[in-house]
Amino acid sequence: MITATNIIGSILVLVLGGVFMQIRNNGKKLETSLYQKDGITIYIPRTECQTTHDSICKKVDEIKSIVEKGDEKRQEARKENSAKWESLQHTLGRVEEYIRTHQ
């Protein structure tokens, strides 16, 4: 005789079997996604990540200092150009005044 308990038990066994198979398959997928066939890791170990992170930070700091030096040089060049333009405008003003007075 088939009872409700037998049906529930059978369904429960099927569900648990399916869950177990999913876990087993996911475990194999995880293993193949982390390791190559010869056992070498595909991912970068934590110590290597820290070393890489430190070298990237060092490069970023170097680039930042180069950019800051370039900005300072551009600012100095702007000041020099501004002074030269003022001198040129003053000279042109004097030439215009000379022309006006000597015509």
Protein backbone atom coordinates (compact mmCIF):
# COMPACT_ATOMS: atom_id res chain seq x y z
CA MET A 1 0.00 0.00 0.00
CA ILE A 2 1.29 3.43 -0.97
CA THR A 3 0.92 5.94 1.79
CA ALA A 4 1.47 9.66 1.93
CA THR A 5 4.58 9.10 4.01
CA ASN A 6 6.09 6.84 1.34
CA ILE A 7 5.34 9.40 -1.37
CA ILE A 8 6.84 12.26 0.68
CA GLY A 9 9.86 10.11 1.50
CA SER A 10 10.38 9.21 -2.15
CA ILE A 11 10.09 12.84 -3.23
CA LEU A 12 12.48 13.86 -0.47
CA VAL A 13 15.04 11.25 -1.56
CA LEU A 14 14.77 12.44 -5.18
CA VAL A 15 15.20 16.09 -4.18
CA LEU A 16 18.16 15.34 -1.94
CA GLY A 17 19.71 13.20 -4.68
CA GLY A 18 19.30 16.08 -7.14
CA VAL A 19 20.84 18.52 -4.68
CA PHE A 20 23.77 16.17 -4.07
CA MET A 21 24.37 15.81 -7.82
CA GLN A 22 24.29 19.61 -8.25
CA ILE A 23 26.82 20.06 -5.44
CA ARG A 24 29.03 17.34 -6.91
CA ASN A 25 28.86 18.86 -10.42
CA ASN A 26 29.51 22.36 -9.10
CA GLY A 27 32.50 21.04 -7.14
CA LYS A 28 33.99 19.63 -10.34
CA LYS A 29 33.27 22.88 -12.18
CA LEU A 30 34.92 24.82 -9.37
CA GLU A 31 37.96 22.56 -9.47
CA THR A 32 38.33 22.92 -13.24
CA SER A 33 37.84 26.68 -13.02
CA LEU A 34 40.56 27.04 -10.34
CA TYR A 35 43.14 24.52 -11.56
CA GLN A 36 44.52 23.44 -14.91
CA LYS A 37 44.63 19.74 -15.80
CA ASP A 38 48.22 19.48 -14.56
CA GLY A 39 47.26 20.92 -11.14
CA ILE A 40 48.70 24.40 -11.61
CA THR A 41 46.46 27.16 -10.28
CA ILE A 42 44.73 29.43 -12.75
CA TYR A 43 44.19 32.14 -10.15
CA ILE A 44 46.92 34.31 -8.64
CA PRO A 45 47.77 33.46 -5.02
CA ARG A 46 47.22 36.16 -2.40
CA THR A 47 50.93 36.88 -1.87
CA GLU A 48 51.43 37.43 -5.58
CA CYS A 49 48.37 39.70 -5.63
CA GLN A 50 49.89 41.86 -2.89
CA THR A 51 53.18 42.11 -4.78
CA THR A 52 51.36 43.04 -7.98
CA HIS A 53 49.18 45.56 -6.11
CA ASP A 54 52.27 47.19 -4.59
CA SER A 55 54.00 47.46 -7.96
CA ILE A 56 50.87 48.97 -9.55
CA CYS A 57 50.58 51.52 -6.73
CA LYS A 58 54.26 52.40 -7.20
CA LYS A 59 53.74 52.95 -10.95
CA VAL A 60 50.65 55.08 -10.29
CA ASP A 61 52.65 57.24 -7.86
CA GLU A 62 55.43 57.62 -10.45
CA ILE A 63 52.92 58.69 -13.10
CA LYS A 64 51.29 61.08 -10.65
CA SER A 65 54.64 62.77 -9.90
CA ILE A 66 55.41 63.06 -13.63
CA VAL A 67 52.03 64.69 -14.25
CA GLU A 68 52.52 67.09 -11.34
CA LYS A 69 55.97 68.09 -12.65
CA GLY A 70 54.46 68.66 -16.10
CA ASP A 71 51.72 70.82 -14.59
CA GLU A 72 54.31 72.90 -12.72
CA LYS A 73 56.37 73.40 -15.89
CA ARG A 74 53.26 74.43 -17.84
CA GLN A 75 52.34 76.94 -15.13
CA GLU A 76 55.85 78.40 -15.23
CA ALA A 77 55.70 78.62 -19.03
CA ARG A 78 52.34 80.43 -18.80
CA LYS A 79 53.85 82.98 -16.43
CA GLU A 80 56.82 83.53 -18.75
CA ASN A 81 54.56 83.88 -21.78
CA SER A 82 52.32 86.29 -19.92
CA ALA A 83 55.31 88.48 -19.00
CA LYS A 84 56.58 88.40 -22.59
CA TRP A 85 53.14 89.33 -23.96
CA GLU A 86 52.91 92.24 -21.52
CA SER A 87 56.35 93.43 -22.61
CA LEU A 88 55.37 93.10 -26.27
CA GLN A 89 52.12 95.02 -25.70
CA HIS A 90 54.02 97.77 -23.90
CA THR A 91 56.53 98.00 -26.77
CA LEU A 92 53.74 98.10 -29.37
CA GLY A 93 51.99 100.80 -27.38
CA ARG A 94 55.15 102.88 -27.37
CA VAL A 95 55.59 102.33 -31.14
CA GLU A 96 51.98 103.38 -31.79
CA GLU A 97 52.45 106.48 -29.66
CA TYR A 98 55.67 107.33 -31.49
CA ILE A 99 53.94 106.94 -34.87
CA ARG A 100 51.05 109.12 -33.74
CA THR A 101 53.30 111.89 -32.47
CA HIS A 102 55.67 111.90 -35.47
CA GLN A 103 53.21 112.00 -38.33
